[in-house]
Amino acid sequence: MVLKQLKQNKVGAWAFVLGVIIAVIAGFIELNTTMASILVVLGIVVGLLNITGKEGPAFLVAGAVLVIVTAFGKANYADIAVIGQPMSQIMEAIMTLIVPATIITSLRALFSHARN
């Protein structure tokens, strides 16, 4: 049981790291549908395997803040010379990764509360 949980955490952690790397790459080349699809799948993996019950509330708050700040701030990044456009695209790609993980985590929390 413990070994299985360790393997799941490793897969989830690597999914998150790979997602962030892809998001940074997407900042310098335009985020296409293939990259976006990969980020969504990695986000689902992170939500299913990487976020435990105790980590759920903190992840939901951090994820919600990240999504809100990114949604309002990414338009402002585009106006910054040289690094603005890549920053905006990186934030868009990170949102593509985090939103599915946040949805999965929030659904798990809702089901857990409904069950109790």
PDB file of N, CA and C in Angstrom:
ATOM      1  N   MET A   1       0.831  -1.201   0.000  1.00  0.00           N
ATOM      2  CA  MET A   1       0.000   0.000   0.000  1.00  0.00           C
ATOM      3  C   MET A   1       0.871   1.258   0.000  1.00  0.00           C
ATOM      4  N   VAL A   2       1.854   1.313   0.879  1.00  0.00           N
ATOM      5  CA  VAL A   2       2.737   2.479   0.968  1.00  0.00           C
ATOM      6  C   VAL A   2       3.554   2.616  -0.308  1.00  0.00           C
ATOM      7  N   LEU A   3       4.049   1.489  -0.834  1.00  0.00           N
ATOM      8  CA  LEU A   3       4.833   1.516  -2.068  1.00  0.00           C
ATOM      9  C   LEU A   3       4.009   2.037  -3.235  1.00  0.00           C
ATOM     10  N   LYS A   4       2.751   1.609  -3.302  1.00  0.00           N
ATOM     11  CA  LYS A   4       1.855   2.077  -4.369  1.00  0.00           C
ATOM     12  C   LYS A   4       1.650   3.586  -4.260  1.00  0.00           C
ATOM     13  N   GLN A   5       1.467   4.089  -3.029  1.00  0.00           N
ATOM     14  CA  GLN A   5       1.272   5.527  -2.825  1.00  0.00           C
ATOM     15  C   GLN A   5       2.532   6.307  -3.203  1.00  0.00           C
ATOM     16  N   LEU A   6       3.700   5.777  -2.880  1.00  0.00           N
ATOM     17  CA  LEU A   6       4.952   6.445  -3.252  1.00  0.00           C
ATOM     18  C   LEU A   6       5.091   6.533  -4.768  1.00  0.00           C
ATOM     19  N   LYS A   7       4.746   5.450  -5.477  1.00  0.00           N
ATOM     20  CA  LYS A   7       4.824   5.462  -6.935  1.00  0.00           C
ATOM     21  C   LYS A   7       3.847   6.471  -7.519  1.00  0.00           C
ATOM     22  N   GLN A   8       2.627   6.556  -6.956  1.00  0.00           N
ATOM     23  CA  GLN A   8       1.646   7.523  -7.442  1.00  0.00           C
ATOM     24  C   GLN A   8       2.143   8.943  -7.222  1.00  0.00           C
ATOM     25  N   ASN A   9       2.719   9.206  -6.044  1.00  0.00           N
ATOM     26  CA  ASN A   9       3.231  10.544  -5.767  1.00  0.00           C
ATOM     27  C   ASN A   9       4.365  10.909  -6.716  1.00  0.00           C
ATOM     28  N   LYS A  10       5.211   9.936  -7.044  1.00  0.00           N
ATOM     29  CA  LYS A  10       6.305  10.179  -7.975  1.00  0.00           C
ATOM     30  C   LYS A  10       5.772  10.514  -9.363  1.00  0.00           C
ATOM     31  N   VAL A  11       4.784   9.755  -9.827  1.00  0.00           N
ATOM     32  CA  VAL A  11       4.193  10.017 -11.137  1.00  0.00           C
ATOM     33  C   VAL A  11       3.536  11.392 -11.144  1.00  0.00           C
ATOM     34  N   GLY A  12       2.796  11.710 -10.099  1.00  0.00           N
ATOM     35  CA  GLY A  12       2.153  13.016 -10.007  1.00  0.00           C
ATOM     36  C   GLY A  12       3.157  14.154  -9.954  1.00  0.00           C
ATOM     37  N   ALA A  13       4.231  13.960  -9.209  1.00  0.00           N
ATOM     38  CA  ALA A  13       5.269  14.994  -9.113  1.00  0.00           C
ATOM     39  C   ALA A  13       5.941  15.208 -10.465  1.00  0.00           C
ATOM     40  N   TRP A  14       6.264  14.121 -11.146  1.00  0.00           N
ATOM     41  CA  TRP A  14       6.884  14.242 -12.468  1.00  0.00           C
ATOM     42  C   TRP A  14       5.925  14.851 -13.480  1.00  0.00           C
ATOM     43  N   ALA A  15       4.635  14.538 -13.348  1.00  0.00           N
ATOM     44  CA  ALA A  15       3.642  15.142 -14.238  1.00  0.00           C
ATOM     45  C   ALA A  15       3.611  16.652 -14.041  1.00  0.00           C
ATOM     46  N   PHE A  16       3.698  17.085 -12.792  1.00  0.00           N
ATOM     47  CA  PHE A  16       3.704  18.516 -12.509  1.00  0.00           C
ATOM     48  C   PHE A  16       4.961  19.185 -13.069  1.00  0.00           C
ATOM     49  N   VAL A  17       6.109  18.584 -12.817  1.00  0.00           N
ATOM     50  CA  VAL A  17       7.375  19.144 -13.321  1.00  0.00           C
ATOM     51  C   VAL A  17       7.363  19.213 -14.848  1.00  0.00           C
ATOM     52  N   LEU A  18       6.939  18.139 -15.490  1.00  0.00           N
ATOM     53  CA  LEU A  18       6.865  18.118 -16.954  1.00  0.00           C
ATOM     54  C   LEU A  18       5.895  19.182 -17.458  1.00  0.00           C
ATOM     55  N   GLY A  19       4.768  19.351 -16.774  1.00  0.00           N
ATOM     56  CA  GLY A  19       3.800  20.384 -17.154  1.00  0.00           C
ATOM     57  C   GLY A  19       4.376  21.776 -17.074  1.00  0.00           C
ATOM     58  N   VAL A  20       5.129  22.062 -16.021  1.00  0.00           N
ATOM     59  CA  VAL A  20       5.751  23.384 -15.884  1.00  0.00           C
ATOM     60  C   VAL A  20       6.797  23.595 -16.977  1.00  0.00           C
ATOM     61  N   ILE A  21       7.565  22.569 -17.289  1.00  0.00           N
ATOM     62  CA  ILE A  21       8.568  22.681 -18.361  1.00  0.00           C
ATOM     63  C   ILE A  21       7.884  22.966 -19.700  1.00  0.00           C
ATOM     64  N   ILE A  22       6.807  22.245 -19.982  1.00  0.00           N
ATOM     65  CA  ILE A  22       6.064  22.480 -21.229  1.00  0.00           C
ATOM     66  C   ILE A  22       5.473  23.876 -21.236  1.00  0.00           C
ATOM     67  N   ALA A  23       4.995  24.349 -20.090  1.00  0.00           N
ATOM     68  CA  ALA A  23       4.429  25.698 -19.997  1.00  0.00           C
ATOM     69  C   ALA A  23       5.480  26.764 -20.299  1.00  0.00           C
ATOM     70  N   VAL A  24       6.680  26.567 -19.797  1.00  0.00           N
ATOM     71  CA  VAL A  24       7.762  27.527 -20.071  1.00  0.00           C
ATOM     72  C   VAL A  24       8.134  27.490 -21.550  1.00  0.00           C
ATOM     73  N   ILE A  25       8.209  26.294 -22.114  1.00  0.00           N
ATOM     74  CA  ILE A  25       8.498  26.182 -23.551  1.00  0.00           C
ATOM     75  C   ILE A  25       7.406  26.883 -24.351  1.00  0.00           C
ATOM     76  N   ALA A  26       6.162  26.705 -23.929  1.00  0.00           N
ATOM     77  CA  ALA A  26       5.030  27.338 -24.622  1.00  0.00           C
ATOM     78  C   ALA A  26       5.111  28.865 -24.550  1.00  0.00           C
ATOM     79  N   GLY A  27       5.859  29.379 -23.591  1.00  0.00           N
ATOM     80  CA  GLY A  27       6.035  30.828 -23.499  1.00  0.00           C
ATOM     81  C   GLY A  27       6.868  31.391 -24.636  1.00  0.00           C
ATOM     82  N   PHE A  28       7.705  30.563 -25.199  1.00  0.00           N
ATOM     83  CA  PHE A  28       8.592  31.042 -26.252  1.00  0.00           C
ATOM     84  C   PHE A  28       8.151  30.596 -27.644  1.00  0.00           C
ATOM     85  N   ILE A  29       7.297  29.580 -27.694  1.00  0.00           N
ATOM     86  CA  ILE A  29       6.629  29.231 -28.943  1.00  0.00           C
ATOM     87  C   ILE A  29       5.147  29.227 -28.616  1.00  0.00           C
ATOM     88  N   GLU A  30       4.327  29.485 -29.549  1.00  0.00           N
ATOM     89  CA  GLU A  30       2.905  29.608 -29.254  1.00  0.00           C
ATOM     90  C   GLU A  30       2.311  28.290 -28.772  1.00  0.00           C
ATOM     91  N   LEU A  31       1.457  28.380 -27.756  1.00  0.00           N
ATOM     92  CA  LEU A  31       0.776  27.206 -27.214  1.00  0.00           C
ATOM     93  C   LEU A  31      -0.181  26.672 -28.266  1.00  0.00           C
ATOM     94  N   ASN A  32       0.102  25.470 -28.764  1.00  0.00           N
ATOM     95  CA  ASN A  32      -0.767  24.874 -29.781  1.00  0.00           C
ATOM     96  C   ASN A  32      -1.695  23.845 -29.136  1.00  0.00           C
ATOM     97  N   THR A  33      -2.578  23.277 -29.933  1.00  0.00           N
ATOM     98  CA  THR A  33      -3.569  22.354 -29.379  1.00  0.00           C
ATOM     99  C   THR A  33      -2.929  21.083 -28.824  1.00  0.00           C
ATOM    100  N   THR A  34      -1.855  20.631 -29.429  1.00  0.00           N
ATOM    101  CA  THR A  34      -1.176  19.433 -28.924  1.00  0.00           C
ATOM    102  C   THR A  34      -0.583  19.696 -27.550  1.00  0.00           C
ATOM    103  N   MET A  35       0.131  20.810 -27.413  1.00  0.00           N
ATOM    104  CA  MET A  35       0.717  21.150 -26.119  1.00  0.00           C
ATOM    105  C   MET A  35      -0.367  21.387 -25.070  1.00  0.00           C
ATOM    106  N   ALA A  36      -1.447  22.058 -25.458  1.00  0.00           N
ATOM    107  CA  ALA A  36      -2.549  22.316 -24.526  1.00  0.00           C
ATOM    108  C   ALA A  36      -3.184  21.001 -24.079  1.00  0.00           C
ATOM    109  N   SER A  37      -3.355  20.071 -24.998  1.00  0.00           N
ATOM    110  CA  SER A  37      -3.932  18.767 -24.654  1.00  0.00           C
ATOM    111  C   SER A  37      -3.030  18.014 -23.682  1.00  0.00           C
ATOM    112  N   ILE A  38      -1.736  18.057 -23.927  1.00  0.00           N
ATOM    113  CA  ILE A  38      -0.784  17.404 -23.023  1.00  0.00           C
ATOM    114  C   ILE A  38      -0.861  18.032 -21.640  1.00  0.00           C
ATOM    115  N   LEU A  39      -0.942  19.363 -21.583  1.00  0.00           N
ATOM    116  CA  LEU A  39      -1.026  20.052 -20.293  1.00  0.00           C
ATOM    117  C   LEU A  39      -2.304  19.685 -19.547  1.00  0.00           C
ATOM    118  N   VAL A  40      -3.414  19.566 -20.254  1.00  0.00           N
ATOM    119  CA  VAL A  40      -4.672  19.176 -19.609  1.00  0.00           C
ATOM    120  C   VAL A  40      -4.550  17.769 -19.026  1.00  0.00           C
ATOM    121  N   VAL A  41      -4.003  16.838 -19.801  1.00  0.00           N
ATOM    122  CA  VAL A  41      -3.837  15.460 -19.310  1.00  0.00           C
ATOM    123  C   VAL A  41      -2.904  15.434 -18.106  1.00  0.00           C
ATOM    124  N   LEU A  42      -1.800  16.178 -18.173  1.00  0.00           N
ATOM    125  CA  LEU A  42      -0.880  16.230 -17.037  1.00  0.00           C
ATOM    126  C   LEU A  42      -1.561  16.856 -15.821  1.00  0.00           C
ATOM    127  N   GLY A  43      -2.399  17.858 -16.035  1.00  0.00           N
ATOM    128  CA  GLY A  43      -3.151  18.463 -14.934  1.00  0.00           C
ATOM    129  C   GLY A  43      -4.088  17.470 -14.278  1.00  0.00           C
ATOM    130  N   ILE A  44      -4.741  16.647 -15.077  1.00  0.00           N
ATOM    131  CA  ILE A  44      -5.625  15.607 -14.540  1.00  0.00           C
ATOM    132  C   ILE A  44      -4.814  14.603 -13.718  1.00  0.00           C
ATOM    133  N   VAL A  45      -3.645  14.210 -14.234  1.00  0.00           N
ATOM    134  CA  VAL A  45      -2.776  13.280 -13.502  1.00  0.00           C
ATOM    135  C   VAL A  45      -2.349  13.889 -12.178  1.00  0.00           C
ATOM    136  N   VAL A  46      -1.962  15.150 -12.195  1.00  0.00           N
ATOM    137  CA  VAL A  46      -1.562  15.835 -10.959  1.00  0.00           C
ATOM    138  C   VAL A  46      -2.725  15.856  -9.976  1.00  0.00           C
ATOM    139  N   GLY A  47      -3.911  16.203 -10.447  1.00  0.00           N
ATOM    140  CA  GLY A  47      -5.073  16.253  -9.568  1.00  0.00           C
ATOM    141  C   GLY A  47      -5.433  14.905  -8.974  1.00  0.00           C
ATOM    142  N   LEU A  48      -5.275  13.850  -9.756  1.00  0.00           N
ATOM    143  CA  LEU A  48      -5.635  12.510  -9.282  1.00  0.00           C
ATOM    144  C   LEU A  48      -4.575  11.890  -8.377  1.00  0.00           C
ATOM    145  N   LEU A  49      -3.307  12.090  -8.699  1.00  0.00           N
ATOM    146  CA  LEU A  49      -2.246  11.352  -8.018  1.00  0.00           C
ATOM    147  C   LEU A  49      -1.419  12.171  -7.035  1.00  0.00           C
ATOM    148  N   ASN A  50      -1.354  13.458  -7.212  1.00  0.00           N
ATOM    149  CA  ASN A  50      -0.378  14.245  -6.460  1.00  0.00           C
ATOM    150  C   ASN A  50      -0.964  14.995  -5.280  1.00  0.00           C
ATOM    151  N   ILE A  51      -2.252  15.274  -5.306  1.00  0.00           N
ATOM    152  CA  ILE A  51      -2.852  16.084  -4.254  1.00  0.00           C
ATOM    153  C   ILE A  51      -3.609  15.165  -3.296  1.00  0.00           C
ATOM    154  N   THR A  52      -3.117  15.096  -2.043  1.00  0.00           N
ATOM    155  CA  THR A  52      -3.761  14.248  -1.044  1.00  0.00           C
ATOM    156  C   THR A  52      -4.825  15.048  -0.301  1.00  0.00           C
ATOM    157  N   GLY A  53      -5.559  14.381   0.560  1.00  0.00           N
ATOM    158  CA  GLY A  53      -6.626  15.026   1.323  1.00  0.00           C
ATOM    159  C   GLY A  53      -6.153  16.215   2.130  1.00  0.00           C
ATOM    160  N   LYS A  54      -5.015  16.086   2.798  1.00  0.00           N
ATOM    161  CA  LYS A  54      -4.491  17.177   3.619  1.00  0.00           C
ATOM    162  C   LYS A  54      -4.006  18.348   2.767  1.00  0.00           C
ATOM    163  N   GLU A  55      -3.481  18.057   1.592  1.00  0.00           N
ATOM    164  CA  GLU A  55      -2.959  19.111   0.708  1.00  0.00           C
ATOM    165  C   GLU A  55      -4.058  19.803  -0.084  1.00  0.00           C
ATOM    166  N   GLY A  56      -5.233  19.174  -0.158  1.00  0.00           N
ATOM    167  CA  GLY A  56      -6.324  19.674  -0.984  1.00  0.00           C
ATOM    168  C   GLY A  56      -6.698  21.129  -0.753  1.00  0.00           C
ATOM    169  N   PRO A  57      -7.027  21.513   0.491  1.00  0.00           N
ATOM    170  CA  PRO A  57      -7.443  22.904   0.708  1.00  0.00           C
ATOM    171  C   PRO A  57      -6.382  23.935   0.312  1.00  0.00           C
ATOM    172  N   ALA A  58      -5.135  23.685   0.667  1.00  0.00           N
ATOM    173  CA  ALA A  58      -4.066  24.620   0.307  1.00  0.00           C
ATOM    174  C   ALA A  58      -3.889  24.692  -1.207  1.00  0.00           C
ATOM    175  N   PHE A  59      -3.969  23.529  -1.871  1.00  0.00           N
ATOM    176  CA  PHE A  59      -3.835  23.506  -3.323  1.00  0.00           C
ATOM    177  C   PHE A  59      -4.984  24.261  -3.984  1.00  0.00           C
ATOM    178  N   LEU A  60      -6.207  24.078  -3.464  1.00  0.00           N
ATOM    179  CA  LEU A  60      -7.362  24.770  -4.039  1.00  0.00           C
ATOM    180  C   LEU A  60      -7.238  26.276  -3.907  1.00  0.00           C
ATOM    181  N   VAL A  61      -6.788  26.751  -2.756  1.00  0.00           N
ATOM    182  CA  VAL A  61      -6.609  28.199  -2.571  1.00  0.00           C
ATOM    183  C   VAL A  61      -5.517  28.712  -3.508  1.00  0.00           C
ATOM    184  N   ALA A  62      -4.377  28.025  -3.525  1.00  0.00           N
ATOM    185  CA  ALA A  62      -3.279  28.456  -4.392  1.00  0.00           C
ATOM    186  C   ALA A  62      -3.679  28.388  -5.861  1.00  0.00           C
ATOM    187  N   GLY A  63      -4.363  27.325  -6.251  1.00  0.00           N
ATOM    188  CA  GLY A  63      -4.801  27.191  -7.641  1.00  0.00           C
ATOM    189  C   GLY A  63      -5.796  28.265  -8.027  1.00  0.00           C
ATOM    190  N   ALA A  64      -6.751  28.556  -7.140  1.00  0.00           N
ATOM    191  CA  ALA A  64      -7.750  29.589  -7.430  1.00  0.00           C
ATOM    192  C   ALA A  64      -7.092  30.957  -7.559  1.00  0.00           C
ATOM    193  N   VAL A  65      -6.170  31.263  -6.648  1.00  0.00           N
ATOM    194  CA  VAL A  65      -5.473  32.552  -6.715  1.00  0.00           C
ATOM    195  C   VAL A  65      -4.657  32.645  -7.996  1.00  0.00           C
ATOM    196  N   LEU A  66      -3.957  31.584  -8.340  1.00  0.00           N
ATOM    197  CA  LEU A  66      -3.149  31.584  -9.565  1.00  0.00           C
ATOM    198  C   LEU A  66      -4.015  31.813 -10.798  1.00  0.00           C
ATOM    199  N   VAL A  67      -5.139  31.122 -10.869  1.00  0.00           N
ATOM    200  CA  VAL A  67      -6.026  31.263 -12.025  1.00  0.00           C
ATOM    201  C   VAL A  67      -6.600  32.685 -12.092  1.00  0.00           C
ATOM    202  N   ILE A  68      -7.026  33.226 -10.968  1.00  0.00           N
ATOM    203  CA  ILE A  68      -7.599  34.578 -10.949  1.00  0.00           C
ATOM    204  C   ILE A  68      -6.554  35.621 -11.327  1.00  0.00           C
ATOM    205  N   VAL A  69      -5.398  35.555 -10.700  1.00  0.00           N
ATOM    206  CA  VAL A  69      -4.335  36.529 -10.991  1.00  0.00           C
ATOM    207  C   VAL A  69      -3.886  36.421 -12.441  1.00  0.00           C
ATOM    208  N   THR A  70      -3.753  35.213 -12.943  1.00  0.00           N
ATOM    209  CA  THR A  70      -3.344  35.020 -14.326  1.00  0.00           C
ATOM    210  C   THR A  70      -4.387  35.560 -15.284  1.00  0.00           C
ATOM    211  N   ALA A  71      -5.645  35.281 -15.003  1.00  0.00           N
ATOM    212  CA  ALA A  71      -6.720  35.741 -15.888  1.00  0.00           C
ATOM    213  C   ALA A  71      -6.746  37.264 -15.979  1.00  0.00           C
ATOM    214  N   PHE A  72      -6.525  37.940 -14.868  1.00  0.00           N
ATOM    215  CA  PHE A  72      -6.546  39.399 -14.884  1.00  0.00           C
ATOM    216  C   PHE A  72      -5.211  40.010 -15.291  1.00  0.00           C
ATOM    217  N   GLY A  73      -4.108  39.318 -15.018  1.00  0.00           N
ATOM    218  CA  GLY A  73      -2.803  39.911 -15.246  1.00  0.00           C
ATOM    219  C   GLY A  73      -2.151  39.626 -16.577  1.00  0.00           C
ATOM    220  N   LYS A  74      -2.553  38.555 -17.254  1.00  0.00           N
ATOM    221  CA  LYS A  74      -1.832  38.174 -18.467  1.00  0.00           C
ATOM    222  C   LYS A  74      -1.950  39.211 -19.572  1.00  0.00           C
ATOM    223  N   ALA A  75      -3.045  39.941 -19.628  1.00  0.00           N
ATOM    224  CA  ALA A  75      -3.183  40.995 -20.641  1.00  0.00           C
ATOM    225  C   ALA A  75      -2.177  42.117 -20.393  1.00  0.00           C
ATOM    226  N   ASN A  76      -1.889  42.388 -19.118  1.00  0.00           N
ATOM    227  CA  ASN A  76      -0.921  43.436 -18.787  1.00  0.00           C
ATOM    228  C   ASN A  76       0.511  43.021 -19.120  1.00  0.00           C
ATOM    229  N   TYR A  77       0.797  41.726 -19.024  1.00  0.00           N
ATOM    230  CA  TYR A  77       2.146  41.250 -19.352  1.00  0.00           C
ATOM    231  C   TYR A  77       2.492  41.520 -20.801  1.00  0.00           C
ATOM    232  N   ALA A  78       1.527  41.399 -21.682  1.00  0.00           N
ATOM    233  CA  ALA A  78       1.780  41.548 -23.112  1.00  0.00           C
ATOM    234  C   ALA A  78       2.330  42.930 -23.460  1.00  0.00           C
ATOM    235  N   ASP A  79       2.059  43.940 -22.632  1.00  0.00           N
ATOM    236  CA  ASP A  79       2.529  45.300 -22.903  1.00  0.00           C
ATOM    237  C   ASP A  79       3.978  45.528 -22.482  1.00  0.00           C
ATOM    238  N   ILE A  80       4.558  44.618 -21.731  1.00  0.00           N
ATOM    239  CA  ILE A  80       5.936  44.778 -21.262  1.00  0.00           C
ATOM    240  C   ILE A  80       6.888  44.387 -22.390  1.00  0.00           C
ATOM    241  N   ALA A  81       7.855  45.244 -22.644  1.00  0.00           N
ATOM    242  CA  ALA A  81       8.804  45.001 -23.730  1.00  0.00           C
ATOM    243  C   ALA A  81       9.620  43.741 -23.467  1.00  0.00           C
ATOM    244  N   VAL A  82       9.944  43.025 -24.483  1.00  0.00           N
ATOM    245  CA  VAL A  82      10.801  41.839 -24.557  1.00  0.00           C
ATOM    246  C   VAL A  82      10.215  40.625 -23.816  1.00  0.00           C
ATOM    247  N   ILE A  83      10.027  40.714 -22.506  1.00  0.00           N
ATOM    248  CA  ILE A  83       9.581  39.533 -21.756  1.00  0.00           C
ATOM    249  C   ILE A  83       8.068  39.444 -21.598  1.00  0.00           C
ATOM    250  N   GLY A  84       7.351  40.465 -21.997  1.00  0.00           N
ATOM    251  CA  GLY A  84       5.912  40.505 -21.780  1.00  0.00           C
ATOM    252  C   GLY A  84       5.148  39.401 -22.472  1.00  0.00           C
ATOM    253  N   GLN A  85       5.384  39.227 -23.759  1.00  0.00           N
ATOM    254  CA  GLN A  85       4.651  38.205 -24.516  1.00  0.00           C
ATOM    255  C   GLN A  85       4.962  36.793 -24.018  1.00  0.00           C
ATOM    256  N   PRO A  86       6.231  36.431 -23.817  1.00  0.00           N
ATOM    257  CA  PRO A  86       6.502  35.096 -23.257  1.00  0.00           C
ATOM    258  C   PRO A  86       5.877  34.891 -21.870  1.00  0.00           C
ATOM    259  N   MET A  87       5.920  35.935 -21.020  1.00  0.00           N
ATOM    260  CA  MET A  87       5.307  35.824 -19.686  1.00  0.00           C
ATOM    261  C   MET A  87       3.819  35.548 -19.799  1.00  0.00           C
ATOM    262  N   SER A  88       3.154  36.255 -20.686  1.00  0.00           N
ATOM    263  CA  SER A  88       1.723  36.067 -20.891  1.00  0.00           C
ATOM    264  C   SER A  88       1.414  34.650 -21.362  1.00  0.00           C
ATOM    265  N   GLN A  89       2.207  34.146 -22.285  1.00  0.00           N
ATOM    266  CA  GLN A  89       2.001  32.797 -22.816  1.00  0.00           C
ATOM    267  C   GLN A  89       2.337  31.724 -21.783  1.00  0.00           C
ATOM    268  N   ILE A  90       3.356  31.958 -20.954  1.00  0.00           N
ATOM    269  CA  ILE A  90       3.692  31.016 -19.887  1.00  0.00           C
ATOM    270  C   ILE A  90       2.535  30.939 -18.896  1.00  0.00           C
ATOM    271  N   MET A  91       1.991  32.076 -18.520  1.00  0.00           N
ATOM    272  CA  MET A  91       0.877  32.087 -17.574  1.00  0.00           C
ATOM    273  C   MET A  91      -0.355  31.392 -18.156  1.00  0.00           C
ATOM    274  N   GLU A  92      -0.619  31.583 -19.423  1.00  0.00           N
ATOM    275  CA  GLU A  92      -1.733  30.895 -20.086  1.00  0.00           C
ATOM    276  C   GLU A  92      -1.519  29.383 -20.051  1.00  0.00           C
ATOM    277  N   ALA A  93      -0.302  28.947 -20.316  1.00  0.00           N
ATOM    278  CA  ALA A  93      -0.001  27.513 -20.314  1.00  0.00           C
ATOM    279  C   ALA A  93      -0.070  26.936 -18.898  1.00  0.00           C
ATOM    280  N   ILE A  94       0.391  27.676 -17.905  1.00  0.00           N
ATOM    281  CA  ILE A  94       0.303  27.211 -16.522  1.00  0.00           C
ATOM    282  C   ILE A  94      -1.159  27.082 -16.101  1.00  0.00           C
ATOM    283  N   MET A  95      -1.992  28.019 -16.527  1.00  0.00           N
ATOM    284  CA  MET A  95      -3.422  27.906 -16.250  1.00  0.00           C
ATOM    285  C   MET A  95      -3.995  26.643 -16.879  1.00  0.00           C
ATOM    286  N   THR A  96      -3.545  26.319 -18.080  1.00  0.00           N
ATOM    287  CA  THR A  96      -4.020  25.121 -18.767  1.00  0.00           C
ATOM    288  C   THR A  96      -3.645  23.865 -17.982  1.00  0.00           C
ATOM    289  N   LEU A  97      -2.530  23.895 -17.272  1.00  0.00           N
ATOM    290  CA  LEU A  97      -2.104  22.778 -16.431  1.00  0.00           C
ATOM    291  C   LEU A  97      -2.854  22.746 -15.103  1.00  0.00           C
ATOM    292  N   ILE A  98      -3.006  23.896 -14.458  1.00  0.00           N
ATOM    293  CA  ILE A  98      -3.527  23.957 -13.093  1.00  0.00           C
ATOM    294  C   ILE A  98      -5.046  23.809 -13.020  1.00  0.00           C
ATOM    295  N   VAL A  99      -5.773  24.332 -13.999  1.00  0.00           N
ATOM    296  CA  VAL A  99      -7.239  24.283 -13.937  1.00  0.00           C
ATOM    297  C   VAL A  99      -7.769  22.845 -13.832  1.00  0.00           C
ATOM    298  N   PRO A 100      -7.324  21.900 -14.667  1.00  0.00           N
ATOM    299  CA  PRO A 100      -7.835  20.532 -14.502  1.00  0.00           C
ATOM    300  C   PRO A 100      -7.485  19.920 -13.138  1.00  0.00           C
ATOM    301  N   ALA A 101      -6.275  20.191 -12.660  1.00  0.00           N
ATOM    302  CA  ALA A 101      -5.881  19.673 -11.339  1.00  0.00           C
ATOM    303  C   ALA A 101      -6.760  20.269 -10.246  1.00  0.00           C
ATOM    304  N   THR A 102      -7.096  21.547 -10.374  1.00  0.00           N
ATOM    305  CA  THR A 102      -7.949  22.209  -9.394  1.00  0.00           C
ATOM    306  C   THR A 102      -9.372  21.657  -9.452  1.00  0.00           C
ATOM    307  N   ILE A 103      -9.871  21.418 -10.645  1.00  0.00           N
ATOM    308  CA  ILE A 103     -11.220  20.849 -10.784  1.00  0.00           C
ATOM    309  C   ILE A 103     -11.282  19.461 -10.156  1.00  0.00           C
ATOM    310  N   ILE A 104     -10.301  18.617 -10.444  1.00  0.00           N
ATOM    311  CA  ILE A 104     -10.267  17.266  -9.873  1.00  0.00           C
ATOM    312  C   ILE A 104     -10.206  17.338  -8.348  1.00  0.00           C
ATOM    313  N   THR A 105      -9.340  18.196  -7.819  1.00  0.00           N
ATOM    314  CA  THR A 105      -9.179  18.322  -6.377  1.00  0.00           C
ATOM    315  C   THR A 105     -10.458  18.834  -5.724  1.00  0.00           C
ATOM    316  N   SER A 106     -11.109  19.805  -6.345  1.00  0.00           N
ATOM    317  CA  SER A 106     -12.336  20.345  -5.755  1.00  0.00           C
ATOM    318  C   SER A 106     -13.462  19.314  -5.811  1.00  0.00           C
ATOM    319  N   LEU A 107     -13.551  18.540  -6.882  1.00  0.00           N
ATOM    320  CA  LEU A 107     -14.564  17.485  -6.958  1.00  0.00           C
ATOM    321  C   LEU A 107     -14.329  16.409  -5.898  1.00  0.00           C
ATOM    322  N   ARG A 108     -13.076  16.054  -5.687  1.00  0.00           N
ATOM    323  CA  ARG A 108     -12.750  15.074  -4.641  1.00  0.00           C
ATOM    324  C   ARG A 108     -13.146  15.594  -3.275  1.00  0.00           C
ATOM    325  N   ALA A 109     -12.893  16.874  -3.027  1.00  0.00           N
ATOM    326  CA  ALA A 109     -13.267  17.474  -1.738  1.00  0.00           C
ATOM    327  C   ALA A 109     -14.784  17.502  -1.573  1.00  0.00           C
ATOM    328  N   LEU A 110     -15.496  17.854  -2.636  1.00  0.00           N
ATOM    329  CA  LEU A 110     -16.960  17.875  -2.576  1.00  0.00           C
ATOM    330  C   LEU A 110     -17.525  16.488  -2.303  1.00  0.00           C
ATOM    331  N   PHE A 111     -17.020  15.470  -3.005  1.00  0.00           N
ATOM    332  CA  PHE A 111     -17.488  14.101  -2.779  1.00  0.00           C
ATOM    333  C   PHE A 111     -17.164  13.639  -1.373  1.00  0.00           C
ATOM    334  N   SER A 112     -16.001  14.023  -0.873  1.00  0.00           N
ATOM    335  CA  SER A 112     -15.609  13.640   0.484  1.00  0.00           C
ATOM    336  C   SER A 112     -16.551  14.259   1.515  1.00  0.00           C
ATOM    337  N   HIS A 113     -16.881  15.523   1.336  1.00  0.00           N
ATOM    338  CA  HIS A 113     -17.795  16.200   2.269  1.00  0.00           C
ATOM    339  C   HIS A 113     -19.218  15.651   2.134  1.00  0.00           C
ATOM    340  N   ALA A 114     -19.634  15.336   0.941  1.00  0.00           N
ATOM    341  CA  ALA A 114     -20.982  14.808   0.722  1.00  0.00           C
ATOM    342  C   ALA A 114     -21.125  13.412   1.348  1.00  0.00           C
ATOM    343  N   ARG A 115     -20.055  12.642   1.291  1.00  0.00           N
ATOM    344  CA  ARG A 115     -20.068  11.285   1.851  1.00  0.00           C
ATOM    345  C   ARG A 115     -20.170  11.320   3.357  1.00  0.00           C
ATOM    346  N   ASN A 116     -19.528  12.320   3.969  1.00  0.00           N
ATOM    347  CA  ASN A 116     -19.541  12.438   5.435  1.00  0.00           C
ATOM    348  C   ASN A 116     -20.770  13.177   5.849  1.00  0.00           C
TER     349      ASN A 116
END
